[in-house]
Every structure is written in structure tokens, then in C-alpha cells.
């Protein structure tokens, strides 16, 4: 690991007991270092954010059924469906800091219906709310 990388996080109880989580995955270590540089991982809330982010990335990379709920492209970055964010923010993490796939599906309500909004619709609504209007005609040059 390079200087500045986060190798893991540790928790101490009031009785002085310590629990350590070490990152063996280099991608996880990079995410941890990035969050540490931006937000400082010295609070439980920020470490929780890190673990939820890592769990979300893990489930997005492995669960084909989640594909309609997000898009990744180099131009716009990541677009995440609001239901995906809500599930990632509220579902409990396992002892291994992962989401339970069945519980996540239930939270996303994927058994009942297809996604109400696909990512393109979400992007279109976001642009509409923000007042973004694509230019259809080039502006005429002033003389």
C-alpha cells in the first residue's frame, strides 16, 4: 500500500476492547482513503458511510437484477435510482459489512414490479427540475 492509504479501521469500546477491520481488497482501501481524505474517517457515522458505500458497490457489481436501477458512464458519472439509494441507506449490513441480497430485493420491491423510473427518466427529471434545457439550435453570431 502507498503512503496515505487506509489499511483498515478499528473500533474501541468503553471497556477498551478493540475490533479491527482490515482491507484486503485494494479497491476498498482506495475508497477508504478517498473518503478519509475528503471527510475524515474518525467518526462512527463516516465509517458507516464507507461500509455502506462498499456494500452498495459490491451488490451493484454482482446483482444483475439491479442493472435497471443505475447507470454508469464517463460523461455523466453515476446515476442511481432513488429506491436504490434508500435501500442502501436503510438496510442493515451483515457481520461481513455486506447487504443481504434477499432483504435488499424486498426493500427495493423488485418482486412486485419493474422499476417505476429507469435511470434515463430520473436524469430527465433532474434536468427538468434544475432548469437544464438542451440547446437545439446554434446561436447566431452577433455582427
N, C-alpha and C. Protein backbone atom coordinates (compact mmCIF):
# COMPACT_ATOMS: atom_id res chain seq x y z
N UNK A 1 0.83 -1.18 0.00
CA UNK A 1 0.00 0.00 0.00
C UNK A 1 0.88 1.24 0.00
N UNK A 2 0.37 2.27 -0.60
CA UNK A 2 1.11 3.53 -0.70
C UNK A 2 0.88 4.37 0.55
N UNK A 3 1.79 5.31 0.81
CA UNK A 3 1.57 6.22 1.94
C UNK A 3 0.25 6.96 1.78
N UNK A 4 -0.50 7.09 2.87
CA UNK A 4 -1.80 7.75 2.82
C UNK A 4 -2.95 6.79 2.60
N UNK A 5 -2.66 5.53 2.21
CA UNK A 5 -3.72 4.55 2.04
C UNK A 5 -4.26 4.15 3.40
N UNK A 6 -5.53 3.80 3.43
CA UNK A 6 -6.15 3.34 4.67
C UNK A 6 -6.10 1.81 4.64
N UNK A 7 -5.42 1.22 5.60
CA UNK A 7 -5.29 -0.22 5.63
C UNK A 7 -6.46 -0.89 6.35
N UNK A 8 -7.16 -0.14 7.17
CA UNK A 8 -8.30 -0.67 7.89
C UNK A 8 -8.82 0.36 8.87
N UNK A 9 -9.85 -0.02 9.61
CA UNK A 9 -10.40 0.84 10.64
C UNK A 9 -10.54 0.01 11.91
N UNK A 10 -10.50 0.68 13.06
CA UNK A 10 -10.66 -0.03 14.32
C UNK A 10 -11.66 0.71 15.20
N UNK A 11 -12.32 -0.06 16.05
CA UNK A 11 -13.30 0.47 16.98
C UNK A 11 -12.90 0.08 18.38
N UNK A 12 -13.04 1.00 19.32
CA UNK A 12 -12.76 0.71 20.73
C UNK A 12 -14.04 0.91 21.53
N UNK A 13 -14.32 -0.05 22.37
CA UNK A 13 -15.48 0.07 23.26
C UNK A 13 -15.09 0.88 24.49
N UNK A 14 -16.08 1.22 25.29
CA UNK A 14 -15.82 1.97 26.52
C UNK A 14 -14.93 1.17 27.47
N UNK A 15 -14.95 -0.16 27.36
CA UNK A 15 -14.13 -1.03 28.22
C UNK A 15 -12.73 -1.22 27.66
N UNK A 16 -12.46 -0.58 26.51
CA UNK A 16 -11.12 -0.67 25.93
C UNK A 16 -10.92 -1.82 24.96
N UNK A 17 -11.96 -2.60 24.69
CA UNK A 17 -11.84 -3.69 23.72
C UNK A 17 -11.77 -3.10 22.31
N UNK A 18 -10.97 -3.71 21.47
CA UNK A 18 -10.78 -3.18 20.12
C UNK A 18 -11.18 -4.22 19.08
N UNK A 19 -11.89 -3.76 18.06
CA UNK A 19 -12.24 -4.58 16.91
C UNK A 19 -11.64 -3.91 15.69
N UNK A 20 -10.90 -4.68 14.89
CA UNK A 20 -10.28 -4.13 13.68
C UNK A 20 -10.88 -4.75 12.43
N UNK A 21 -11.06 -3.90 11.43
CA UNK A 21 -11.45 -4.33 10.09
C UNK A 21 -10.31 -3.94 9.16
N UNK A 22 -9.67 -4.93 8.57
CA UNK A 22 -8.56 -4.66 7.66
C UNK A 22 -9.03 -4.88 6.23
N UNK A 23 -8.60 -4.01 5.32
CA UNK A 23 -8.98 -4.12 3.92
C UNK A 23 -7.96 -4.98 3.17
N UNK A 24 -8.40 -6.11 2.65
CA UNK A 24 -7.53 -6.92 1.81
C UNK A 24 -7.77 -6.58 0.33
N UNK A 25 -8.91 -5.97 0.06
CA UNK A 25 -9.25 -5.57 -1.30
C UNK A 25 -8.67 -4.18 -1.56
N UNK A 26 -7.84 -4.05 -2.56
CA UNK A 26 -7.19 -2.77 -2.86
C UNK A 26 -8.21 -1.69 -3.25
N UNK A 27 -9.28 -2.09 -3.96
CA UNK A 27 -10.31 -1.12 -4.32
C UNK A 27 -10.97 -0.56 -3.06
N UNK A 28 -11.26 -1.42 -2.09
CA UNK A 28 -11.86 -0.96 -0.84
C UNK A 28 -10.92 -0.01 -0.12
N UNK A 29 -9.63 -0.33 -0.13
CA UNK A 29 -8.64 0.54 0.50
C UNK A 29 -8.59 1.90 -0.19
N UNK A 30 -8.72 1.91 -1.51
CA UNK A 30 -8.72 3.18 -2.26
C UNK A 30 -9.96 4.01 -1.92
N UNK A 31 -11.13 3.37 -1.86
CA UNK A 31 -12.35 4.08 -1.48
C UNK A 31 -12.20 4.64 -0.07
N UNK A 32 -11.66 3.82 0.83
CA UNK A 32 -11.47 4.27 2.22
C UNK A 32 -10.54 5.47 2.28
N UNK A 33 -9.46 5.43 1.52
CA UNK A 33 -8.51 6.54 1.51
C UNK A 33 -9.18 7.80 0.95
N UNK A 34 -9.98 7.65 -0.08
CA UNK A 34 -10.66 8.79 -0.68
C UNK A 34 -11.64 9.43 0.31
N UNK A 35 -12.43 8.60 0.97
CA UNK A 35 -13.38 9.13 1.94
C UNK A 35 -12.64 9.74 3.13
N UNK A 36 -11.55 9.11 3.54
CA UNK A 36 -10.77 9.64 4.66
C UNK A 36 -10.20 11.02 4.31
N UNK A 37 -9.68 11.17 3.08
CA UNK A 37 -9.15 12.48 2.67
C UNK A 37 -10.24 13.54 2.58
N UNK A 38 -11.41 13.13 2.11
CA UNK A 38 -12.50 14.10 1.92
C UNK A 38 -13.29 14.40 3.19
N UNK A 39 -13.53 13.37 3.99
CA UNK A 39 -14.45 13.53 5.12
C UNK A 39 -13.88 13.12 6.48
N UNK A 40 -12.72 12.47 6.50
CA UNK A 40 -12.09 12.03 7.74
C UNK A 40 -12.87 10.87 8.36
N UNK A 41 -12.25 9.74 8.46
CA UNK A 41 -12.90 8.53 8.97
C UNK A 41 -12.78 8.38 10.50
N UNK A 42 -12.74 9.46 11.22
CA UNK A 42 -12.58 9.37 12.68
C UNK A 42 -13.88 9.23 13.44
N UNK A 43 -15.02 9.27 12.75
CA UNK A 43 -16.29 9.11 13.45
C UNK A 43 -16.99 7.84 12.98
N UNK A 44 -17.80 7.28 13.85
CA UNK A 44 -18.55 6.06 13.51
C UNK A 44 -19.50 6.31 12.34
N UNK A 45 -20.07 7.49 12.28
CA UNK A 45 -21.01 7.82 11.19
C UNK A 45 -20.30 7.78 9.83
N UNK A 46 -19.10 8.29 9.76
CA UNK A 46 -18.36 8.31 8.49
C UNK A 46 -17.85 6.92 8.12
N UNK A 47 -17.47 6.14 9.10
CA UNK A 47 -17.07 4.76 8.83
C UNK A 47 -18.29 3.97 8.34
N UNK A 48 -19.44 4.25 8.93
CA UNK A 48 -20.68 3.61 8.46
C UNK A 48 -20.95 3.97 7.01
N UNK A 49 -20.75 5.23 6.65
CA UNK A 49 -20.90 5.66 5.27
C UNK A 49 -19.97 4.86 4.35
N UNK A 50 -18.73 4.69 4.77
CA UNK A 50 -17.77 3.92 3.98
C UNK A 50 -18.25 2.49 3.78
N UNK A 51 -18.67 1.83 4.87
CA UNK A 51 -19.11 0.44 4.76
C UNK A 51 -20.35 0.31 3.88
N UNK A 52 -21.27 1.27 3.99
CA UNK A 52 -22.47 1.22 3.14
C UNK A 52 -22.11 1.44 1.67
N UNK A 53 -21.18 2.34 1.42
CA UNK A 53 -20.73 2.57 0.05
C UNK A 53 -20.08 1.31 -0.52
N UNK A 54 -19.20 0.69 0.25
CA UNK A 54 -18.54 -0.53 -0.22
C UNK A 54 -19.55 -1.66 -0.44
N UNK A 55 -20.54 -1.78 0.46
CA UNK A 55 -21.57 -2.80 0.29
C UNK A 55 -22.43 -2.53 -0.94
N UNK A 56 -22.72 -1.25 -1.18
CA UNK A 56 -23.50 -0.88 -2.37
C UNK A 56 -22.73 -1.20 -3.64
N UNK A 57 -21.46 -0.86 -3.68
CA UNK A 57 -20.64 -1.16 -4.85
C UNK A 57 -20.59 -2.67 -5.07
N UNK A 58 -20.45 -3.42 -4.00
CA UNK A 58 -20.40 -4.88 -4.12
C UNK A 58 -21.68 -5.45 -4.70
N UNK A 59 -22.83 -5.04 -4.17
CA UNK A 59 -24.10 -5.59 -4.65
C UNK A 59 -24.39 -5.12 -6.07
N UNK A 60 -24.02 -3.88 -6.41
CA UNK A 60 -24.23 -3.39 -7.78
C UNK A 60 -23.39 -4.17 -8.78
N UNK A 61 -22.21 -4.60 -8.37
CA UNK A 61 -21.33 -5.32 -9.29
C UNK A 61 -21.73 -6.78 -9.45
N UNK A 62 -22.49 -7.31 -8.51
CA UNK A 62 -22.80 -8.74 -8.55
C UNK A 62 -24.24 -9.06 -8.91
N UNK A 63 -25.18 -8.18 -8.65
CA UNK A 63 -26.60 -8.47 -8.83
C UNK A 63 -27.11 -7.94 -10.16
N UNK A 64 -27.30 -8.85 -11.10
CA UNK A 64 -27.80 -8.46 -12.43
C UNK A 64 -29.16 -7.78 -12.35
N UNK A 65 -29.99 -8.17 -11.41
CA UNK A 65 -31.34 -7.62 -11.30
C UNK A 65 -31.31 -6.14 -10.92
N UNK A 66 -30.17 -5.63 -10.47
CA UNK A 66 -30.06 -4.21 -10.11
C UNK A 66 -29.72 -3.32 -11.30
N UNK A 67 -29.34 -3.89 -12.42
CA UNK A 67 -28.88 -3.09 -13.57
C UNK A 67 -29.86 -1.98 -14.00
N UNK A 68 -31.17 -2.22 -13.99
CA UNK A 68 -32.09 -1.14 -14.39
C UNK A 68 -32.14 0.03 -13.40
N UNK A 69 -31.54 -0.14 -12.23
CA UNK A 69 -31.64 0.88 -11.19
C UNK A 69 -30.44 1.83 -11.14
N UNK A 70 -29.48 1.66 -12.04
CA UNK A 70 -28.35 2.59 -12.05
C UNK A 70 -27.71 2.59 -13.43
N UNK A 71 -26.99 3.67 -13.70
CA UNK A 71 -26.20 3.72 -14.93
C UNK A 71 -24.87 4.36 -14.59
N UNK A 72 -23.85 3.91 -15.27
CA UNK A 72 -22.50 4.44 -15.11
C UNK A 72 -21.98 4.80 -16.48
N UNK A 73 -21.61 6.05 -16.66
CA UNK A 73 -20.97 6.42 -17.91
C UNK A 73 -19.97 7.52 -17.65
N UNK A 74 -19.04 7.67 -18.55
CA UNK A 74 -17.95 8.61 -18.32
C UNK A 74 -18.40 10.07 -18.42
N UNK A 75 -19.46 10.33 -19.16
CA UNK A 75 -19.91 11.72 -19.33
C UNK A 75 -20.64 12.25 -18.10
N UNK A 76 -21.63 11.49 -17.61
CA UNK A 76 -22.46 11.95 -16.51
C UNK A 76 -22.10 11.33 -15.17
N UNK A 77 -21.19 10.38 -15.15
CA UNK A 77 -20.85 9.70 -13.90
C UNK A 77 -21.91 8.68 -13.56
N UNK A 78 -22.17 8.52 -12.29
CA UNK A 78 -23.15 7.52 -11.84
C UNK A 78 -24.50 8.17 -11.60
N UNK A 79 -25.54 7.49 -12.05
CA UNK A 79 -26.91 7.88 -11.76
C UNK A 79 -27.55 6.71 -11.05
N UNK A 80 -28.05 6.96 -9.84
CA UNK A 80 -28.63 5.91 -9.02
C UNK A 80 -30.11 6.19 -8.80
N UNK A 81 -30.92 5.16 -8.96
CA UNK A 81 -32.36 5.26 -8.74
C UNK A 81 -32.60 5.59 -7.26
N UNK A 82 -33.57 6.45 -6.96
CA UNK A 82 -33.84 6.81 -5.56
C UNK A 82 -34.12 5.61 -4.66
N UNK A 83 -34.79 4.58 -5.18
CA UNK A 83 -35.06 3.38 -4.38
C UNK A 83 -33.77 2.64 -4.02
N UNK A 84 -32.80 2.68 -4.93
CA UNK A 84 -31.51 2.05 -4.67
C UNK A 84 -30.79 2.78 -3.54
N UNK A 85 -30.80 4.09 -3.59
CA UNK A 85 -30.18 4.88 -2.52
C UNK A 85 -30.89 4.68 -1.19
N UNK A 86 -32.21 4.63 -1.22
CA UNK A 86 -32.97 4.44 0.02
C UNK A 86 -32.65 3.08 0.64
N UNK A 87 -32.58 2.05 -0.17
CA UNK A 87 -32.26 0.72 0.36
C UNK A 87 -30.85 0.69 0.92
N UNK A 88 -29.91 1.30 0.22
CA UNK A 88 -28.52 1.33 0.69
C UNK A 88 -28.39 2.11 1.99
N UNK A 89 -29.23 3.11 2.18
CA UNK A 89 -29.15 3.93 3.38
C UNK A 89 -29.83 3.29 4.59
N UNK A 90 -30.78 2.38 4.35
CA UNK A 90 -31.58 1.88 5.46
C UNK A 90 -31.43 0.40 5.77
N UNK A 91 -31.02 -0.39 4.80
CA UNK A 91 -30.90 -1.83 5.04
C UNK A 91 -29.72 -2.11 5.97
N UNK A 92 -29.88 -3.08 6.87
CA UNK A 92 -28.77 -3.40 7.77
C UNK A 92 -27.64 -4.10 7.03
N UNK A 93 -26.45 -3.93 7.54
CA UNK A 93 -25.29 -4.63 7.00
C UNK A 93 -25.07 -5.91 7.79
N UNK A 94 -24.56 -6.93 7.11
CA UNK A 94 -24.24 -8.19 7.78
C UNK A 94 -22.95 -8.02 8.59
N UNK A 95 -22.57 -9.07 9.29
CA UNK A 95 -21.32 -9.03 10.06
C UNK A 95 -20.11 -8.83 9.16
N UNK A 96 -20.24 -9.22 7.88
CA UNK A 96 -19.14 -9.02 6.94
C UNK A 96 -19.28 -7.71 6.17
N UNK A 97 -20.16 -6.82 6.64
CA UNK A 97 -20.38 -5.49 6.05
C UNK A 97 -20.91 -5.57 4.63
N UNK A 98 -21.81 -6.51 4.38
CA UNK A 98 -22.46 -6.66 3.08
C UNK A 98 -23.97 -6.54 3.28
N UNK A 99 -24.68 -6.33 2.17
CA UNK A 99 -26.14 -6.36 2.22
C UNK A 99 -26.62 -7.78 1.97
N UNK A 100 -27.68 -8.16 2.65
CA UNK A 100 -28.34 -9.43 2.39
C UNK A 100 -29.15 -9.26 1.10
N UNK A 101 -28.87 -10.08 0.10
CA UNK A 101 -29.47 -9.89 -1.23
C UNK A 101 -30.99 -10.00 -1.18
N UNK A 102 -31.53 -10.99 -0.47
CA UNK A 102 -32.98 -11.15 -0.42
C UNK A 102 -33.64 -9.96 0.27
N UNK A 103 -33.08 -9.51 1.37
CA UNK A 103 -33.63 -8.33 2.07
C UNK A 103 -33.54 -7.09 1.18
N UNK A 104 -32.43 -6.96 0.45
CA UNK A 104 -32.25 -5.81 -0.43
C UNK A 104 -33.30 -5.83 -1.53
N UNK A 105 -33.56 -7.00 -2.10
CA UNK A 105 -34.61 -7.12 -3.12
C UNK A 105 -35.96 -6.72 -2.56
N UNK A 106 -36.24 -7.16 -1.34
CA UNK A 106 -37.52 -6.81 -0.71
C UNK A 106 -37.60 -5.30 -0.48
N UNK A 107 -36.51 -4.71 -0.02
CA UNK A 107 -36.50 -3.26 0.20
C UNK A 107 -36.69 -2.50 -1.11
N UNK A 108 -36.13 -3.03 -2.18
CA UNK A 108 -36.26 -2.39 -3.49
C UNK A 108 -37.62 -2.67 -4.13
N UNK A 109 -38.37 -3.62 -3.55
CA UNK A 109 -39.68 -4.01 -4.06
C UNK A 109 -39.60 -4.55 -5.48
N UNK A 110 -38.52 -5.28 -5.79
CA UNK A 110 -38.37 -5.80 -7.15
C UNK A 110 -39.26 -7.01 -7.40
N UNK A 111 -39.81 -7.61 -6.35
CA UNK A 111 -40.69 -8.75 -6.55
C UNK A 111 -42.05 -8.31 -7.09
N UNK A 112 -42.46 -7.09 -6.73
CA UNK A 112 -43.79 -6.61 -7.09
C UNK A 112 -43.85 -6.04 -8.50
N UNK A 113 -42.78 -5.39 -8.93
CA UNK A 113 -42.86 -4.69 -10.22
C UNK A 113 -41.46 -4.36 -10.72
N UNK A 114 -41.42 -4.00 -11.97
CA UNK A 114 -40.18 -3.46 -12.54
C UNK A 114 -39.96 -2.08 -11.96
N UNK A 115 -38.78 -1.51 -12.10
CA UNK A 115 -38.56 -0.17 -11.55
C UNK A 115 -39.54 0.84 -12.12
N UNK A 116 -40.04 1.69 -11.26
CA UNK A 116 -41.00 2.70 -11.69
C UNK A 116 -40.32 3.70 -12.61
N UNK A 117 -39.11 4.07 -12.28
CA UNK A 117 -38.35 5.01 -13.09
C UNK A 117 -37.03 4.37 -13.48
N UNK A 118 -36.70 4.38 -14.74
CA UNK A 118 -35.35 3.95 -15.11
C UNK A 118 -34.41 5.15 -14.97
N UNK A 119 -33.15 4.89 -15.07
CA UNK A 119 -32.17 5.95 -14.83
C UNK A 119 -32.29 7.10 -15.83
N UNK A 120 -32.63 6.82 -17.08
CA UNK A 120 -32.78 7.88 -18.07
C UNK A 120 -33.93 8.81 -17.68
N UNK A 121 -35.01 8.23 -17.16
CA UNK A 121 -36.14 9.05 -16.72
C UNK A 121 -35.74 9.90 -15.53
N UNK A 122 -34.98 9.32 -14.59
CA UNK A 122 -34.51 10.07 -13.43
C UNK A 122 -33.63 11.23 -13.89
N UNK A 123 -32.71 10.97 -14.83
CA UNK A 123 -31.84 12.04 -15.35
C UNK A 123 -32.68 13.13 -16.00
N UNK A 124 -33.67 12.75 -16.78
CA UNK A 124 -34.51 13.74 -17.46
C UNK A 124 -35.26 14.60 -16.45
N UNK A 125 -35.76 13.97 -15.38
CA UNK A 125 -36.47 14.73 -14.36
C UNK A 125 -35.53 15.66 -13.60
N UNK A 126 -34.32 15.18 -13.33
CA UNK A 126 -33.34 16.03 -12.64
C UNK A 126 -33.01 17.25 -13.48
N UNK A 127 -32.84 17.06 -14.78
CA UNK A 127 -32.54 18.18 -15.67
C UNK A 127 -33.72 19.15 -15.71
N UNK A 128 -34.94 18.61 -15.72
CA UNK A 128 -36.13 19.45 -15.75
C UNK A 128 -36.22 20.29 -14.47
N UNK A 129 -35.97 19.66 -13.33
CA UNK A 129 -36.03 20.36 -12.05
C UNK A 129 -34.97 21.45 -11.97
N UNK A 130 -33.77 21.14 -12.46
CA UNK A 130 -32.68 22.10 -12.36
C UNK A 130 -32.75 23.20 -13.41
N UNK A 131 -33.70 23.09 -14.34
CA UNK A 131 -33.85 24.12 -15.36
C UNK A 131 -32.95 23.91 -16.57
N UNK A 132 -32.29 22.77 -16.63
CA UNK A 132 -31.41 22.49 -17.76
C UNK A 132 -32.25 22.29 -19.01
N UNK A 133 -31.87 23.00 -20.07
CA UNK A 133 -32.55 22.84 -21.35
C UNK A 133 -31.49 22.63 -22.42
N UNK A 134 -31.55 21.49 -23.10
CA UNK A 134 -30.56 21.28 -24.15
C UNK A 134 -30.77 22.27 -25.29
N UNK A 135 -29.68 22.76 -25.83
CA UNK A 135 -29.76 23.72 -26.92
C UNK A 135 -30.00 22.96 -28.21
N UNK A 136 -31.09 23.30 -28.89
CA UNK A 136 -31.44 22.60 -30.11
C UNK A 136 -30.91 23.31 -31.35
N UNK A 137 -30.81 24.62 -31.28
CA UNK A 137 -30.33 25.39 -32.43
C UNK A 137 -29.08 26.16 -32.01
N UNK A 138 -28.09 26.24 -32.86
CA UNK A 138 -26.91 27.04 -32.52
C UNK A 138 -27.28 28.52 -32.50
N UNK A 139 -26.65 29.25 -31.58
CA UNK A 139 -26.90 30.70 -31.52
C UNK A 139 -26.27 31.37 -32.72
N UNK A 140 -26.96 32.40 -33.19
CA UNK A 140 -26.43 33.17 -34.32
C UNK A 140 -25.36 34.12 -33.81
N UNK A 141 -24.33 34.26 -34.59
CA UNK A 141 -23.23 35.16 -34.23
C UNK A 141 -23.69 36.60 -34.34
N UNK A 142 -23.28 37.44 -33.37
CA UNK A 142 -23.63 38.85 -33.42
C UNK A 142 -22.68 39.56 -34.37
N UNK A 143 -23.20 40.54 -35.07
CA UNK A 143 -22.37 41.31 -36.01
C UNK A 143 -22.19 42.69 -35.52
